[in-house]
Amino acid sequence: MMDKIIEYCLKKKGATKEYPFGPDPVVIKIAGKMFALMFQDKADNVRLNLKCDPIIAENLREQHEAVQPGYHMNKKHWNTIILDGSLSEQDIFVMIDHSYDLVVKTLSKSLLESIK
């Protein structure tokens, strides 16, 4: 699942994979701004941090046990999704799309134009 998610993120226009904190976690960025971060916790659970509109973030946390406030992130704007099989691949992809779109909206016009 981890590889599939990384692959999905990297299909986004301008997305790059980086390891700014060592071999783990993998960070996916656009124009130097993170929109996804994936790591394995001590219990070997794969976790995915994604940016999220605060109101949507609250709703997702209420609806899904696997969606929690962002681990080591601004908990208002980031969620951590535990990839335990309780969320469909499609649900996860929708959350990735939302995170990517939120970050893209913050980019300047010149930066957007420079993204291939």
PDB file of N, CA and C in Angstrom:
ATOM      1  N   MET A   1       0.834  -1.208   0.000  1.00  0.00           N
ATOM      2  CA  MET A   1       0.000   0.000   0.000  1.00  0.00           C
ATOM      3  C   MET A   1       0.868   1.257   0.000  1.00  0.00           C
ATOM      4  N   MET A   2       1.964   1.204   0.754  1.00  0.00           N
ATOM      5  CA  MET A   2       2.845   2.367   0.863  1.00  0.00           C
ATOM      6  C   MET A   2       3.358   2.788  -0.523  1.00  0.00           C
ATOM      7  N   ASP A   3       3.822   1.801  -1.302  1.00  0.00           N
ATOM      8  CA  ASP A   3       4.350   2.103  -2.634  1.00  0.00           C
ATOM      9  C   ASP A   3       3.271   2.690  -3.539  1.00  0.00           C
ATOM     10  N   LYS A   4       2.058   2.158  -3.429  1.00  0.00           N
ATOM     11  CA  LYS A   4       0.947   2.632  -4.251  1.00  0.00           C
ATOM     12  C   LYS A   4       0.622   4.098  -3.925  1.00  0.00           C
ATOM     13  N   ILE A   5       0.677   4.441  -2.650  1.00  0.00           N
ATOM     14  CA  ILE A   5       0.384   5.815  -2.228  1.00  0.00           C
ATOM     15  C   ILE A   5       1.476   6.762  -2.695  1.00  0.00           C
ATOM     16  N   ILE A   6       2.724   6.359  -2.543  1.00  0.00           N
ATOM     17  CA  ILE A   6       3.835   7.202  -3.012  1.00  0.00           C
ATOM     18  C   ILE A   6       3.716   7.405  -4.520  1.00  0.00           C
ATOM     19  N   GLU A   7       3.438   6.325  -5.231  1.00  0.00           N
ATOM     20  CA  GLU A   7       3.277   6.402  -6.688  1.00  0.00           C
ATOM     21  C   GLU A   7       2.143   7.368  -7.059  1.00  0.00           C
ATOM     22  N   TYR A   8       1.023   7.277  -6.341  1.00  0.00           N
ATOM     23  CA  TYR A   8      -0.115   8.158  -6.607  1.00  0.00           C
ATOM     24  C   TYR A   8       0.287   9.622  -6.376  1.00  0.00           C
ATOM     25  N   CYS A   9       0.964   9.880  -5.267  1.00  0.00           N
ATOM     26  CA  CYS A   9       1.393  11.253  -4.954  1.00  0.00           C
ATOM     27  C   CYS A   9       2.329  11.795  -6.032  1.00  0.00           C
ATOM     28  N   LEU A  10       3.235  10.953  -6.500  1.00  0.00           N
ATOM     29  CA  LEU A  10       4.232  11.411  -7.472  1.00  0.00           C
ATOM     30  C   LEU A  10       3.650  11.628  -8.867  1.00  0.00           C
ATOM     31  N   LYS A  11       2.434  11.160  -9.118  1.00  0.00           N
ATOM     32  CA  LYS A  11       1.768  11.436 -10.392  1.00  0.00           C
ATOM     33  C   LYS A  11       1.216  12.855 -10.429  1.00  0.00           C
ATOM     34  N   LYS A  12       1.156  13.502  -9.269  1.00  0.00           N
ATOM     35  CA  LYS A  12       0.667  14.881  -9.203  1.00  0.00           C
ATOM     36  C   LYS A  12       1.677  15.802  -9.892  1.00  0.00           C
ATOM     37  N   LYS A  13       1.160  16.770 -10.613  1.00  0.00           N
ATOM     38  CA  LYS A  13       2.001  17.704 -11.351  1.00  0.00           C
ATOM     39  C   LYS A  13       2.981  18.413 -10.400  1.00  0.00           C
ATOM     40  N   GLY A  14       4.271  18.275 -10.677  1.00  0.00           N
ATOM     41  CA  GLY A  14       5.300  18.962  -9.910  1.00  0.00           C
ATOM     42  C   GLY A  14       5.709  18.271  -8.618  1.00  0.00           C
ATOM     43  N   ALA A  15       5.135  17.117  -8.311  1.00  0.00           N
ATOM     44  CA  ALA A  15       5.436  16.437  -7.045  1.00  0.00           C
ATOM     45  C   ALA A  15       6.837  15.829  -7.063  1.00  0.00           C
ATOM     46  N   THR A  16       7.519  15.944  -5.930  1.00  0.00           N
ATOM     47  CA  THR A  16       8.846  15.355  -5.762  1.00  0.00           C
ATOM     48  C   THR A  16       8.893  14.582  -4.449  1.00  0.00           C
ATOM     49  N   LYS A  17       9.742  13.558  -4.431  1.00  0.00           N
ATOM     50  CA  LYS A  17       9.924  12.739  -3.232  1.00  0.00           C
ATOM     51  C   LYS A  17      11.248  13.118  -2.593  1.00  0.00           C
ATOM     52  N   GLU A  18      11.218  13.361  -1.281  1.00  0.00           N
ATOM     53  CA  GLU A  18      12.428  13.756  -0.569  1.00  0.00           C
ATOM     54  C   GLU A  18      12.526  13.019   0.755  1.00  0.00           C
ATOM     55  N   TYR A  19      13.728  13.022   1.306  1.00  0.00           N
ATOM     56  CA  TYR A  19      13.984  12.413   2.610  1.00  0.00           C
ATOM     57  C   TYR A  19      14.726  13.421   3.491  1.00  0.00           C
ATOM     58  N   PRO A  20      14.072  14.527   3.857  1.00  0.00           N
ATOM     59  CA  PRO A  20      14.763  15.579   4.606  1.00  0.00           C
ATOM     60  C   PRO A  20      15.098  15.206   6.044  1.00  0.00           C
ATOM     61  N   PHE A  21      14.488  14.132   6.566  1.00  0.00           N
ATOM     62  CA  PHE A  21      14.693  13.748   7.963  1.00  0.00           C
ATOM     63  C   PHE A  21      15.436  12.430   8.095  1.00  0.00           C
ATOM     64  N   GLY A  22      16.121  11.988   7.033  1.00  0.00           N
ATOM     65  CA  GLY A  22      16.800  10.699   7.047  1.00  0.00           C
ATOM     66  C   GLY A  22      16.042   9.701   6.191  1.00  0.00           C
ATOM     67  N   PRO A  23      16.340   8.395   6.354  1.00  0.00           N
ATOM     68  CA  PRO A  23      15.726   7.384   5.486  1.00  0.00           C
ATOM     69  C   PRO A  23      14.214   7.225   5.686  1.00  0.00           C
ATOM     70  N   ASP A  24      13.707   7.653   6.807  1.00  0.00           N
ATOM     71  CA  ASP A  24      12.283   7.587   7.105  1.00  0.00           C
ATOM     72  C   ASP A  24      11.942   8.883   7.819  1.00  0.00           C
ATOM     73  N   PRO A  25      10.952   9.579   7.525  1.00  0.00           N
ATOM     74  CA  PRO A  25       9.832   9.332   6.623  1.00  0.00           C
ATOM     75  C   PRO A  25      10.116   9.816   5.203  1.00  0.00           C
ATOM     76  N   VAL A  26       9.267   9.389   4.288  1.00  0.00           N
ATOM     77  CA  VAL A  26       9.295   9.914   2.930  1.00  0.00           C
ATOM     78  C   VAL A  26       8.366  11.133   2.900  1.00  0.00           C
ATOM     79  N   VAL A  27       8.858  12.208   2.291  1.00  0.00           N
ATOM     80  CA  VAL A  27       8.090  13.456   2.213  1.00  0.00           C
ATOM     81  C   VAL A  27       7.826  13.757   0.742  1.00  0.00           C
ATOM     82  N   ILE A  28       6.575  14.044   0.433  1.00  0.00           N
ATOM     83  CA  ILE A  28       6.208  14.412  -0.938  1.00  0.00           C
ATOM     84  C   ILE A  28       5.888  15.902  -0.937  1.00  0.00           C
ATOM     85  N   LYS A  29       6.542  16.621  -1.851  1.00  0.00           N
ATOM     86  CA  LYS A  29       6.404  18.079  -1.899  1.00  0.00           C
ATOM     87  C   LYS A  29       6.036  18.544  -3.293  1.00  0.00           C
ATOM     88  N   ILE A  30       5.512  19.757  -3.327  1.00  0.00           N
ATOM     89  CA  ILE A  30       5.350  20.489  -4.582  1.00  0.00           C
ATOM     90  C   ILE A  30       5.961  21.859  -4.349  1.00  0.00           C
ATOM     91  N   ALA A  31       6.869  22.257  -5.228  1.00  0.00           N
ATOM     92  CA  ALA A  31       7.546  23.554  -5.126  1.00  0.00           C
ATOM     93  C   ALA A  31       8.126  23.774  -3.725  1.00  0.00           C
ATOM     94  N   GLY A  32       8.694  22.709  -3.151  1.00  0.00           N
ATOM     95  CA  GLY A  32       9.336  22.809  -1.850  1.00  0.00           C
ATOM     96  C   GLY A  32       8.389  22.795  -0.668  1.00  0.00           C
ATOM     97  N   LYS A  33       7.091  22.648  -0.911  1.00  0.00           N
ATOM     98  CA  LYS A  33       6.105  22.626   0.183  1.00  0.00           C
ATOM     99  C   LYS A  33       5.518  21.227   0.312  1.00  0.00           C
ATOM    100  N   MET A  34       5.536  20.723   1.523  1.00  0.00           N
ATOM    101  CA  MET A  34       5.070  19.370   1.790  1.00  0.00           C
ATOM    102  C   MET A  34       3.554  19.267   1.687  1.00  0.00           C
ATOM    103  N   PHE A  35       3.086  18.194   1.025  1.00  0.00           N
ATOM    104  CA  PHE A  35       1.650  17.900   1.055  1.00  0.00           C
ATOM    105  C   PHE A  35       1.376  16.485   1.565  1.00  0.00           C
ATOM    106  N   ALA A  36       2.414  15.662   1.676  1.00  0.00           N
ATOM    107  CA  ALA A  36       2.247  14.321   2.237  1.00  0.00           C
ATOM    108  C   ALA A  36       3.553  13.883   2.901  1.00  0.00           C
ATOM    109  N   LEU A  37       3.409  13.151   3.985  1.00  0.00           N
ATOM    110  CA  LEU A  37       4.549  12.602   4.701  1.00  0.00           C
ATOM    111  C   LEU A  37       4.126  11.205   5.154  1.00  0.00           C
ATOM    112  N   MET A  38       4.945  10.189   4.864  1.00  0.00           N
ATOM    113  CA  MET A  38       4.575   8.824   5.206  1.00  0.00           C
ATOM    114  C   MET A  38       5.701   8.157   5.985  1.00  0.00           C
ATOM    115  N   PHE A  39       5.314   7.424   7.039  1.00  0.00           N
ATOM    116  CA  PHE A  39       6.301   6.764   7.888  1.00  0.00           C
ATOM    117  C   PHE A  39       5.683   5.540   8.560  1.00  0.00           C
ATOM    118  N   GLN A  40       6.557   4.676   9.081  1.00  0.00           N
ATOM    119  CA  GLN A  40       6.100   3.544   9.881  1.00  0.00           C
ATOM    120  C   GLN A  40       6.358   3.884  11.336  1.00  0.00           C
ATOM    121  N   ASP A  41       5.359   3.631  12.185  1.00  0.00           N
ATOM    122  CA  ASP A  41       5.540   3.892  13.611  1.00  0.00           C
ATOM    123  C   ASP A  41       6.215   2.684  14.280  1.00  0.00           C
ATOM    124  N   LYS A  42       6.421   2.775  15.593  1.00  0.00           N
ATOM    125  CA  LYS A  42       7.123   1.705  16.322  1.00  0.00           C
ATOM    126  C   LYS A  42       6.389   0.363  16.257  1.00  0.00           C
ATOM    127  N   ALA A  43       5.076   0.412  16.071  1.00  0.00           N
ATOM    128  CA  ALA A  43       4.282  -0.817  15.977  1.00  0.00           C
ATOM    129  C   ALA A  43       4.167  -1.317  14.537  1.00  0.00           C
ATOM    130  N   ASP A  44       4.959  -0.725  13.626  1.00  0.00           N
ATOM    131  CA  ASP A  44       4.964  -1.094  12.205  1.00  0.00           C
ATOM    132  C   ASP A  44       3.701  -0.707  11.457  1.00  0.00           C
ATOM    133  N   ASN A  45       2.914   0.209  12.021  1.00  0.00           N
ATOM    134  CA  ASN A  45       1.771   0.752  11.293  1.00  0.00           C
ATOM    135  C   ASN A  45       2.267   1.824  10.338  1.00  0.00           C
ATOM    136  N   VAL A  46       1.747   1.824   9.123  1.00  0.00           N
ATOM    137  CA  VAL A  46       2.096   2.884   8.174  1.00  0.00           C
ATOM    138  C   VAL A  46       1.146   4.048   8.425  1.00  0.00           C
ATOM    139  N   ARG A  47       1.722   5.226   8.551  1.00  0.00           N
ATOM    140  CA  ARG A  47       0.936   6.437   8.809  1.00  0.00           C
ATOM    141  C   ARG A  47       1.223   7.451   7.713  1.00  0.00           C
ATOM    142  N   LEU A  48       0.179   8.174   7.345  1.00  0.00           N
ATOM    143  CA  LEU A  48       0.260   9.162   6.273  1.00  0.00           C
ATOM    144  C   LEU A  48      -0.255  10.496   6.809  1.00  0.00           C
ATOM    145  N   ASN A  49       0.608  11.507   6.821  1.00  0.00           N
ATOM    146  CA  ASN A  49       0.202  12.849   7.232  1.00  0.00           C
ATOM    147  C   ASN A  49      -0.181  13.647   6.000  1.00  0.00           C
ATOM    148  N   LEU A  50      -1.377  14.260   6.054  1.00  0.00           N
ATOM    149  CA  LEU A  50      -1.871  15.063   4.938  1.00  0.00           C
ATOM    150  C   LEU A  50      -2.449  16.373   5.439  1.00  0.00           C
ATOM    151  N   LYS A  51      -2.229  17.424   4.681  1.00  0.00           N
ATOM    152  CA  LYS A  51      -2.825  18.721   4.984  1.00  0.00           C
ATOM    153  C   LYS A  51      -4.332  18.616   4.748  1.00  0.00           C
ATOM    154  N   CYS A  52      -5.103  19.365   5.557  1.00  0.00           N
ATOM    155  CA  CYS A  52      -6.552  19.262   5.433  1.00  0.00           C
ATOM    156  C   CYS A  52      -7.207  20.536   5.939  1.00  0.00           C
ATOM    157  N   ASP A  53      -8.255  20.966   5.266  1.00  0.00           N
ATOM    158  CA  ASP A  53      -9.065  22.075   5.749  1.00  0.00           C
ATOM    159  C   ASP A  53      -9.519  21.733   7.172  1.00  0.00           C
ATOM    160  N   PRO A  54      -9.407  22.676   8.129  1.00  0.00           N
ATOM    161  CA  PRO A  54      -9.728  22.367   9.524  1.00  0.00           C
ATOM    162  C   PRO A  54     -11.127  21.799   9.761  1.00  0.00           C
ATOM    163  N   ILE A  55     -12.127  22.285   9.058  1.00  0.00           N
ATOM    164  CA  ILE A  55     -13.499  21.787   9.257  1.00  0.00           C
ATOM    165  C   ILE A  55     -13.614  20.356   8.721  1.00  0.00           C
ATOM    166  N   ILE A  56     -13.047  20.119   7.554  1.00  0.00           N
ATOM    167  CA  ILE A  56     -13.060  18.773   6.972  1.00  0.00           C
ATOM    168  C   ILE A  56     -12.247  17.823   7.854  1.00  0.00           C
ATOM    169  N   ALA A  57     -11.134  18.312   8.388  1.00  0.00           N
ATOM    170  CA  ALA A  57     -10.289  17.490   9.260  1.00  0.00           C
ATOM    171  C   ALA A  57     -11.076  16.983  10.461  1.00  0.00           C
ATOM    172  N   GLU A  58     -11.821  17.872  11.094  1.00  0.00           N
ATOM    173  CA  GLU A  58     -12.639  17.486  12.248  1.00  0.00           C
ATOM    174  C   GLU A  58     -13.673  16.442  11.858  1.00  0.00           C
ATOM    175  N   ASN A  59     -14.338  16.654  10.735  1.00  0.00           N
ATOM    176  CA  ASN A  59     -15.360  15.707  10.270  1.00  0.00           C
ATOM    177  C   ASN A  59     -14.757  14.324  10.005  1.00  0.00           C
ATOM    178  N   LEU A  60     -13.592  14.301   9.352  1.00  0.00           N
ATOM    179  CA  LEU A  60     -12.953  13.020   9.051  1.00  0.00           C
ATOM    180  C   LEU A  60     -12.553  12.288  10.328  1.00  0.00           C
ATOM    181  N   ARG A  61     -12.071  13.043  11.317  1.00  0.00           N
ATOM    182  CA  ARG A  61     -11.670  12.420  12.586  1.00  0.00           C
ATOM    183  C   ARG A  61     -12.871  11.835  13.321  1.00  0.00           C
ATOM    184  N   GLU A  62     -14.011  12.502  13.198  1.00  0.00           N
ATOM    185  CA  GLU A  62     -15.228  11.993  13.840  1.00  0.00           C
ATOM    186  C   GLU A  62     -15.755  10.748  13.126  1.00  0.00           C
ATOM    187  N   GLN A  63     -15.601  10.711  11.816  1.00  0.00           N
ATOM    188  CA  GLN A  63     -16.153   9.606  11.016  1.00  0.00           C
ATOM    189  C   GLN A  63     -15.270   8.363  10.990  1.00  0.00           C
ATOM    190  N   HIS A  64     -13.949   8.551  11.117  1.00  0.00           N
ATOM    191  CA  HIS A  64     -13.011   7.439  10.930  1.00  0.00           C
ATOM    192  C   HIS A  64     -12.014   7.367  12.083  1.00  0.00           C
ATOM    193  N   GLU A  65     -11.963   6.215  12.725  1.00  0.00           N
ATOM    194  CA  GLU A  65     -11.009   6.011  13.804  1.00  0.00           C
ATOM    195  C   GLU A  65      -9.565   6.114  13.300  1.00  0.00           C
ATOM    196  N   ALA A  66      -9.349   5.747  12.041  1.00  0.00           N
ATOM    197  CA  ALA A  66      -7.996   5.753  11.466  1.00  0.00           C
ATOM    198  C   ALA A  66      -7.501   7.160  11.124  1.00  0.00           C
ATOM    199  N   VAL A  67      -8.364   8.166  11.217  1.00  0.00           N
ATOM    200  CA  VAL A  67      -7.967   9.551  10.937  1.00  0.00           C
ATOM    201  C   VAL A  67      -7.830  10.273  12.275  1.00  0.00           C
ATOM    202  N   GLN A  68      -6.623  10.753  12.537  1.00  0.00           N
ATOM    203  CA  GLN A  68      -6.305  11.387  13.816  1.00  0.00           C
ATOM    204  C   GLN A  68      -5.645  12.743  13.584  1.00  0.00           C
ATOM    205  N   PRO A  69      -5.583  13.571  14.631  1.00  0.00           N
ATOM    206  CA  PRO A  69      -4.866  14.845  14.484  1.00  0.00           C
ATOM    207  C   PRO A  69      -3.423  14.588  14.034  1.00  0.00           C
ATOM    208  N   GLY A  70      -2.893  15.475  13.230  1.00  0.00           N
ATOM    209  CA  GLY A  70      -1.565  15.294  12.647  1.00  0.00           C
ATOM    210  C   GLY A  70      -0.479  15.033  13.666  1.00  0.00           C
ATOM    211  N   TYR A  71       0.207  13.902  13.515  1.00  0.00           N
ATOM    212  CA  TYR A  71       1.302  13.509  14.400  1.00  0.00           C
ATOM    213  C   TYR A  71       2.512  14.392  14.126  1.00  0.00           C
ATOM    214  N   HIS A  72       2.970  15.106  15.139  1.00  0.00           N
ATOM    215  CA  HIS A  72       4.102  16.054  15.035  1.00  0.00           C
ATOM    216  C   HIS A  72       3.855  17.158  14.011  1.00  0.00           C
ATOM    217  N   MET A  73       2.588  17.514  13.816  1.00  0.00           N
ATOM    218  CA  MET A  73       2.228  18.551  12.849  1.00  0.00           C
ATOM    219  C   MET A  73       1.254  19.515  13.522  1.00  0.00           C
ATOM    220  N   ASN A  74       0.916  20.604  12.834  1.00  0.00           N
ATOM    221  CA  ASN A  74      -0.131  21.504  13.309  1.00  0.00           C
ATOM    222  C   ASN A  74      -1.447  20.723  13.236  1.00  0.00           C
ATOM    223  N   LYS A  75      -1.983  20.394  14.395  1.00  0.00           N
ATOM    224  CA  LYS A  75      -3.143  19.498  14.463  1.00  0.00           C
ATOM    225  C   LYS A  75      -4.412  20.119  13.896  1.00  0.00           C
ATOM    226  N   LYS A  76      -4.425  21.424  13.734  1.00  0.00           N
ATOM    227  CA  LYS A  76      -5.587  22.080  13.136  1.00  0.00           C
ATOM    228  C   LYS A  76      -5.617  21.846  11.623  1.00  0.00           C
ATOM    229  N   HIS A  77      -4.434  21.817  11.003  1.00  0.00           N
ATOM    230  CA  HIS A  77      -4.343  21.778   9.534  1.00  0.00           C
ATOM    231  C   HIS A  77      -3.830  20.456   8.961  1.00  0.00           C
ATOM    232  N   TRP A  78      -3.497  19.499   9.819  1.00  0.00           N
ATOM    233  CA  TRP A  78      -2.949  18.239   9.334  1.00  0.00           C
ATOM    234  C   TRP A  78      -3.638  17.056  10.009  1.00  0.00           C
ATOM    235  N   ASN A  79      -3.865  16.011   9.240  1.00  0.00           N
ATOM    236  CA  ASN A  79      -4.367  14.747   9.762  1.00  0.00           C
ATOM    237  C   ASN A  79      -3.314  13.677   9.572  1.00  0.00           C
ATOM    238  N   THR A  80      -3.321  12.700  10.463  1.00  0.00           N
ATOM    239  CA  THR A  80      -2.546  11.481  10.287  1.00  0.00           C
ATOM    240  C   THR A  80      -3.537  10.362  10.024  1.00  0.00           C
ATOM    241  N   ILE A  81      -3.331   9.667   8.926  1.00  0.00           N
ATOM    242  CA  ILE A  81      -4.189   8.547   8.561  1.00  0.00           C
ATOM    243  C   ILE A  81      -3.403   7.266   8.831  1.00  0.00           C
ATOM    244  N   ILE A  82      -3.972   6.406   9.655  1.00  0.00           N
ATOM    245  CA  ILE A  82      -3.352   5.108   9.914  1.00  0.00           C
ATOM    246  C   ILE A  82      -3.832   4.169   8.813  1.00  0.00           C
ATOM    247  N   LEU A  83      -2.898   3.650   8.058  1.00  0.00           N
ATOM    248  CA  LEU A  83      -3.244   2.793   6.919  1.00  0.00           C
ATOM    249  C   LEU A  83      -3.417   1.358   7.406  1.00  0.00           C
ATOM    250  N   ASP A  84      -4.566   1.120   8.041  1.00  0.00           N
ATOM    251  CA  ASP A  84      -4.855  -0.185   8.645  1.00  0.00           C
ATOM    252  C   ASP A  84      -5.892  -0.977   7.849  1.00  0.00           C
ATOM    253  N   GLY A  85      -6.258  -0.475   6.674  1.00  0.00           N
ATOM    254  CA  GLY A  85      -7.227  -1.168   5.840  1.00  0.00           C
ATOM    255  C   GLY A  85      -8.668  -0.748   6.080  1.00  0.00           C
ATOM    256  N   SER A  86      -8.885   0.124   7.067  1.00  0.00           N
ATOM    257  CA  SER A  86     -10.260   0.528   7.367  1.00  0.00           C
ATOM    258  C   SER A  86     -10.781   1.593   6.399  1.00  0.00           C
ATOM    259  N   LEU A  87      -9.874   2.277   5.705  1.00  0.00           N
ATOM    260  CA  LEU A  87     -10.274   3.264   4.694  1.00  0.00           C
ATOM    261  C   LEU A  87      -9.981   2.696   3.310  1.00  0.00           C
ATOM    262  N   SER A  88     -10.863   2.961   2.372  1.00  0.00           N
ATOM    263  CA  SER A  88     -10.633   2.472   1.013  1.00  0.00           C
ATOM    264  C   SER A  88      -9.495   3.255   0.368  1.00  0.00           C
ATOM    265  N   GLU A  89      -8.901   2.642  -0.616  1.00  0.00           N
ATOM    266  CA  GLU A  89      -7.848   3.297  -1.398  1.00  0.00           C
ATOM    267  C   GLU A  89      -8.386   4.608  -1.983  1.00  0.00           C
ATOM    268  N   GLN A  90      -9.620   4.555  -2.471  1.00  0.00           N
ATOM    269  CA  GLN A  90     -10.241   5.748  -3.067  1.00  0.00           C
ATOM    270  C   GLN A  90     -10.372   6.877  -2.045  1.00  0.00           C
ATOM    271  N   ASP A  91     -10.791   6.539  -0.807  1.00  0.00           N
ATOM    272  CA  ASP A  91     -10.893   7.553   0.252  1.00  0.00           C
ATOM    273  C   ASP A  91      -9.539   8.204   0.519  1.00  0.00           C
ATOM    274  N   ILE A  92      -8.506   7.390   0.552  1.00  0.00           N
ATOM    275  CA  ILE A  92      -7.156   7.905   0.803  1.00  0.00           C
ATOM    276  C   ILE A  92      -6.721   8.803  -0.349  1.00  0.00           C
ATOM    277  N   PHE A  93      -6.996   8.382  -1.574  1.00  0.00           N
ATOM    278  CA  PHE A  93      -6.621   9.187  -2.737  1.00  0.00           C
ATOM    279  C   PHE A  93      -7.344  10.541  -2.733  1.00  0.00           C
ATOM    280  N   VAL A  94      -8.610  10.550  -2.318  1.00  0.00           N
ATOM    281  CA  VAL A  94      -9.363  11.811  -2.226  1.00  0.00           C
ATOM    282  C   VAL A  94      -8.698  12.741  -1.196  1.00  0.00           C
ATOM    283  N   MET A  95      -8.245  12.178  -0.077  1.00  0.00           N
ATOM    284  CA  MET A  95      -7.565  12.989   0.947  1.00  0.00           C
ATOM    285  C   MET A  95      -6.228  13.520   0.433  1.00  0.00           C
ATOM    286  N   ILE A  96      -5.523  12.715  -0.343  1.00  0.00           N
ATOM    287  CA  ILE A  96      -4.260  13.160  -0.944  1.00  0.00           C
ATOM    288  C   ILE A  96      -4.538  14.308  -1.921  1.00  0.00           C
ATOM    289  N   ASP A  97      -5.560  14.152  -2.756  1.00  0.00           N
ATOM    290  CA  ASP A  97      -5.932  15.209  -3.704  1.00  0.00           C
ATOM    291  C   ASP A  97      -6.233  16.518  -2.973  1.00  0.00           C
ATOM    292  N   HIS A  98      -6.958  16.419  -1.873  1.00  0.00           N
ATOM    293  CA  HIS A  98      -7.331  17.601  -1.085  1.00  0.00           C
ATOM    294  C   HIS A  98      -6.072  18.275  -0.523  1.00  0.00           C
ATOM    295  N   SER A  99      -5.159  17.490   0.021  1.00  0.00           N
ATOM    296  CA  SER A  99      -3.921  18.027   0.578  1.00  0.00           C
ATOM    297  C   SER A  99      -3.112  18.743  -0.509  1.00  0.00           C
ATOM    298  N   TYR A 100      -2.955  18.075  -1.642  1.00  0.00           N
ATOM    299  CA  TYR A 100      -2.211  18.651  -2.771  1.00  0.00           C
ATOM    300  C   TYR A 100      -2.850  19.978  -3.208  1.00  0.00           C
ATOM    301  N   ASP A 101      -4.176  19.970  -3.367  1.00  0.00           N
ATOM    302  CA  ASP A 101      -4.876  21.183  -3.817  1.00  0.00           C
ATOM    303  C   ASP A 101      -4.711  22.333  -2.823  1.00  0.00           C
ATOM    304  N   LEU A 102      -4.752  22.031  -1.532  1.00  0.00           N
ATOM    305  CA  LEU A 102      -4.566  23.085  -0.524  1.00  0.00           C
ATOM    306  C   LEU A 102      -3.184  23.721  -0.644  1.00  0.00           C
ATOM    307  N   VAL A 103      -2.174  22.902  -0.855  1.00  0.00           N
ATOM    308  CA  VAL A 103      -0.806  23.429  -0.964  1.00  0.00           C
ATOM    309  C   VAL A 103      -0.639  24.201  -2.271  1.00  0.00           C
ATOM    310  N   VAL A 104      -1.179  23.686  -3.361  1.00  0.00           N
ATOM    311  CA  VAL A 104      -1.073  24.368  -4.659  1.00  0.00           C
ATOM    312  C   VAL A 104      -1.691  25.765  -4.582  1.00  0.00           C
ATOM    313  N   LYS A 105      -2.802  25.895  -3.864  1.00  0.00           N
ATOM    314  CA  LYS A 105      -3.471  27.199  -3.734  1.00  0.00           C
ATOM    315  C   LYS A 105      -2.587  28.254  -3.078  1.00  0.00           C
ATOM    316  N   THR A 106      -1.591  27.827  -2.308  1.00  0.00           N
ATOM    317  CA  THR A 106      -0.723  28.783  -1.610  1.00  0.00           C
ATOM    318  C   THR A 106       0.460  29.229  -2.474  1.00  0.00           C
ATOM    319  N   LEU A 107       0.651  28.588  -3.613  1.00  0.00           N
ATOM    320  CA  LEU A 107       1.815  28.894  -4.457  1.00  0.00           C
ATOM    321  C   LEU A 107       1.584  30.161  -5.276  1.00  0.00           C
ATOM    322  N   SER A 108       2.655  30.883  -5.487  1.00  0.00           N
ATOM    323  CA  SER A 108       2.568  32.084  -6.310  1.00  0.00           C
ATOM    324  C   SER A 108       2.335  31.697  -7.770  1.00  0.00           C
ATOM    325  N   LYS A 109       1.833  32.640  -8.534  1.00  0.00           N
ATOM    326  CA  LYS A 109       1.554  32.403  -9.945  1.00  0.00           C
ATOM    327  C   LYS A 109       2.839  32.016 -10.693  1.00  0.00           C
ATOM    328  N   SER A 110       3.935  32.685 -10.381  1.00  0.00           N
ATOM    329  CA  SER A 110       5.200  32.373 -11.070  1.00  0.00           C
ATOM    330  C   SER A 110       5.685  30.964 -10.716  1.00  0.00           C
ATOM    331  N   LEU A 111       5.509  30.568  -9.461  1.00  0.00           N
ATOM    332  CA  LEU A 111       5.890  29.206  -9.086  1.00  0.00           C
ATOM    333  C   LEU A 111       5.025  28.184  -9.787  1.00  0.00           C
ATOM    334  N   LEU A 112       3.729  28.442  -9.858  1.00  0.00           N
ATOM    335  CA  LEU A 112       2.816  27.529 -10.544  1.00  0.00           C
ATOM    336  C   LEU A 112       3.194  27.370 -12.005  1.00  0.00           C
ATOM    337  N   GLU A 113       3.559  28.473 -12.639  1.00  0.00           N
ATOM    338  CA  GLU A 113       3.922  28.426 -14.057  1.00  0.00           C
ATOM    339  C   GLU A 113       5.232  27.666 -14.286  1.00  0.00           C
ATOM    340  N   SER A 114       6.102  27.646 -13.266  1.00  0.00           N
ATOM    341  CA  SER A 114       7.397  26.986 -13.420  1.00  0.00           C
ATOM    342  C   SER A 114       7.296  25.475 -13.217  1.00  0.00           C
ATOM    343  N   ILE A 115       6.184  24.990 -12.692  1.00  0.00           N
ATOM    344  CA  ILE A 115       6.020  23.565 -12.419  1.00  0.00           C
ATOM    345  C   ILE A 115       5.672  22.843 -13.710  1.00  0.00           C
ATOM    346  N   LYS A 116       6.417  21.834 -13.973  1.00  0.00           N
ATOM    347  CA  LYS A 116       6.218  21.044 -15.203  1.00  0.00           C
ATOM    348  C   LYS A 116       5.179  19.985 -14.990  1.00  0.00           C
TER     349      LYS A 116
END
